[in-house]
Amino acid sequence: MITKEEIAKIIQEGLPSSQVDVRGDDGHHFEAIVVSEEFAGKSRVKRHQMVYKALGNLMEERLHALALKTITPEEMGN
């Protein structure tokens, strides 16, 4: 079983300039809000791909479901 803290750490290692908030307590279903300047000018699909790349094979091996919200710091205020 994986923890929300582990997920946040892995995303932050893959996207070092990001702020990550992961929620979920059942060990299988999580929601992550990822804020990063690196998302600027990128589509939602590309942003999600960046997060999945940071997670590597974790999605296949230990993480059942992850809902993502990916935003830039500028979008946070809107």
C-alpha atoms as a PDB file:
ATOM      1  CA  MET A   1       0.000   0.000   0.000  1.00  0.00           C
ATOM      2  CA  ILE A   2       1.220   3.503  -0.796  1.00  0.00           C
ATOM      3  CA  THR A   3       0.675   6.648   1.240  1.00  0.00           C
ATOM      4  CA  LYS A   4      -0.291  10.122   0.097  1.00  0.00           C
ATOM      5  CA  GLU A   5       3.033  11.380   1.470  1.00  0.00           C
ATOM      6  CA  GLU A   6       4.952   8.947  -0.752  1.00  0.00           C
ATOM      7  CA  ILE A   7       2.963  10.028  -3.809  1.00  0.00           C
ATOM      8  CA  ALA A   8       3.610  13.717  -3.079  1.00  0.00           C
ATOM      9  CA  LYS A   9       7.333  13.085  -2.615  1.00  0.00           C
ATOM     10  CA  ILE A  10       7.622  11.181  -5.903  1.00  0.00           C
ATOM     11  CA  ILE A  11       5.788  13.904  -7.845  1.00  0.00           C
ATOM     12  CA  GLN A  12       7.936  16.623  -6.254  1.00  0.00           C
ATOM     13  CA  GLU A  13      11.107  14.726  -7.150  1.00  0.00           C
ATOM     14  CA  GLY A  14       9.949  14.493 -10.778  1.00  0.00           C
ATOM     15  CA  LEU A  15       8.724  18.094 -10.913  1.00  0.00           C
ATOM     16  CA  PRO A  16      11.104  19.846  -8.481  1.00  0.00           C
ATOM     17  CA  SER A  17       9.493  23.276  -8.722  1.00  0.00           C
ATOM     18  CA  SER A  18       6.024  21.959  -7.920  1.00  0.00           C
ATOM     19  CA  GLN A  19       3.790  22.207  -4.887  1.00  0.00           C
ATOM     20  CA  VAL A  20       1.813  19.018  -4.335  1.00  0.00           C
ATOM     21  CA  ASP A  21      -1.195  18.293  -2.138  1.00  0.00           C
ATOM     22  CA  VAL A  22      -2.357  14.666  -2.137  1.00  0.00           C
ATOM     23  CA  ARG A  23      -5.527  13.509  -0.436  1.00  0.00           C
ATOM     24  CA  GLY A  24      -7.034  10.091   0.104  1.00  0.00           C
ATOM     25  CA  ASP A  25      -7.013   7.652   2.985  1.00  0.00           C
ATOM     26  CA  ASP A  26      -7.934   4.242   1.630  1.00  0.00           C
ATOM     27  CA  GLY A  27      -4.508   3.430   0.169  1.00  0.00           C
ATOM     28  CA  HIS A  28      -5.880   2.978  -3.357  1.00  0.00           C
ATOM     29  CA  HIS A  29      -7.761   6.091  -4.490  1.00  0.00           C
ATOM     30  CA  PHE A  30      -6.115   9.495  -4.305  1.00  0.00           C
ATOM     31  CA  GLU A  31      -6.564  13.063  -5.509  1.00  0.00           C
ATOM     32  CA  ALA A  32      -3.576  15.296  -6.194  1.00  0.00           C
ATOM     33  CA  ILE A  33      -3.398  19.012  -6.806  1.00  0.00           C
ATOM     34  CA  VAL A  34      -0.107  19.860  -8.480  1.00  0.00           C
ATOM     35  CA  VAL A  35       0.941  23.490  -8.898  1.00  0.00           C
ATOM     36  CA  SER A  36       3.918  24.166 -11.146  1.00  0.00           C
ATOM     37  CA  GLU A  37       5.317  26.921 -13.360  1.00  0.00           C
ATOM     38  CA  GLU A  38       6.306  24.116 -15.746  1.00  0.00           C
ATOM     39  CA  PHE A  39       2.623  23.746 -16.708  1.00  0.00           C
ATOM     40  CA  ALA A  40       2.455  27.233 -18.247  1.00  0.00           C
ATOM     41  CA  GLY A  41       1.361  27.090 -21.883  1.00  0.00           C
ATOM     42  CA  LYS A  42       0.695  23.352 -21.776  1.00  0.00           C
ATOM     43  CA  SER A  43      -2.613  21.566 -22.307  1.00  0.00           C
ATOM     44  CA  ARG A  44      -4.265  19.643 -19.497  1.00  0.00           C
ATOM     45  CA  VAL A  45      -3.314  16.385 -21.229  1.00  0.00           C
ATOM     46  CA  LYS A  46       0.365  17.388 -21.429  1.00  0.00           C
ATOM     47  CA  ARG A  47       0.317  18.469 -17.773  1.00  0.00           C
ATOM     48  CA  HIS A  48      -1.096  15.118 -16.706  1.00  0.00           C
ATOM     49  CA  GLN A  49       1.474  13.316 -18.828  1.00  0.00           C
ATOM     50  CA  MET A  50       4.207  15.227 -16.987  1.00  0.00           C
ATOM     51  CA  VAL A  51       2.844  14.046 -13.631  1.00  0.00           C
ATOM     52  CA  TYR A  52       2.465  10.454 -14.851  1.00  0.00           C
ATOM     53  CA  LYS A  53       6.050  10.543 -16.111  1.00  0.00           C
ATOM     54  CA  ALA A  54       7.174  11.670 -12.645  1.00  0.00           C
ATOM     55  CA  LEU A  55       5.251   8.754 -11.121  1.00  0.00           C
ATOM     56  CA  GLY A  56       6.894   6.265 -13.482  1.00  0.00           C
ATOM     57  CA  ASN A  57       5.509   2.741 -13.183  1.00  0.00           C
ATOM     58  CA  LEU A  58       3.890   3.484  -9.825  1.00  0.00           C
ATOM     59  CA  MET A  59       0.489   3.776 -11.555  1.00  0.00           C
ATOM     60  CA  GLU A  60       0.787   0.210 -12.801  1.00  0.00           C
ATOM     61  CA  GLU A  61       2.252  -1.344  -9.690  1.00  0.00           C
ATOM     62  CA  ARG A  62       0.992   0.309  -6.509  1.00  0.00           C
ATOM     63  CA  LEU A  63      -1.469   3.087  -7.275  1.00  0.00           C
ATOM     64  CA  HIS A  64      -4.983   2.146  -8.338  1.00  0.00           C
ATOM     65  CA  ALA A  65      -6.520   5.562  -9.050  1.00  0.00           C
ATOM     66  CA  LEU A  66      -5.282   9.137  -9.030  1.00  0.00           C
ATOM     67  CA  ALA A  67      -7.454  12.130  -9.870  1.00  0.00           C
ATOM     68  CA  LEU A  68      -5.316  15.076 -10.946  1.00  0.00           C
ATOM     69  CA  LYS A  69      -5.745  18.819 -10.923  1.00  0.00           C
ATOM     70  CA  THR A  70      -2.753  20.503 -12.550  1.00  0.00           C
ATOM     71  CA  ILE A  71      -2.452  24.279 -12.423  1.00  0.00           C
ATOM     72  CA  THR A  72       0.086  27.067 -12.620  1.00  0.00           C
ATOM     73  CA  PRO A  73       0.602  29.457  -9.695  1.00  0.00           C
ATOM     74  CA  GLU A  74      -1.185  32.141 -11.728  1.00  0.00           C
ATOM     75  CA  GLU A  75      -4.216  29.904 -12.224  1.00  0.00           C
ATOM     76  CA  MET A  76      -4.407  29.247  -8.499  1.00  0.00           C
ATOM     77  CA  GLY A  77      -5.771  32.714  -7.847  1.00  0.00           C
ATOM     78  CA  ASN A  78      -8.584  32.353 -10.402  1.00  0.00           C
END
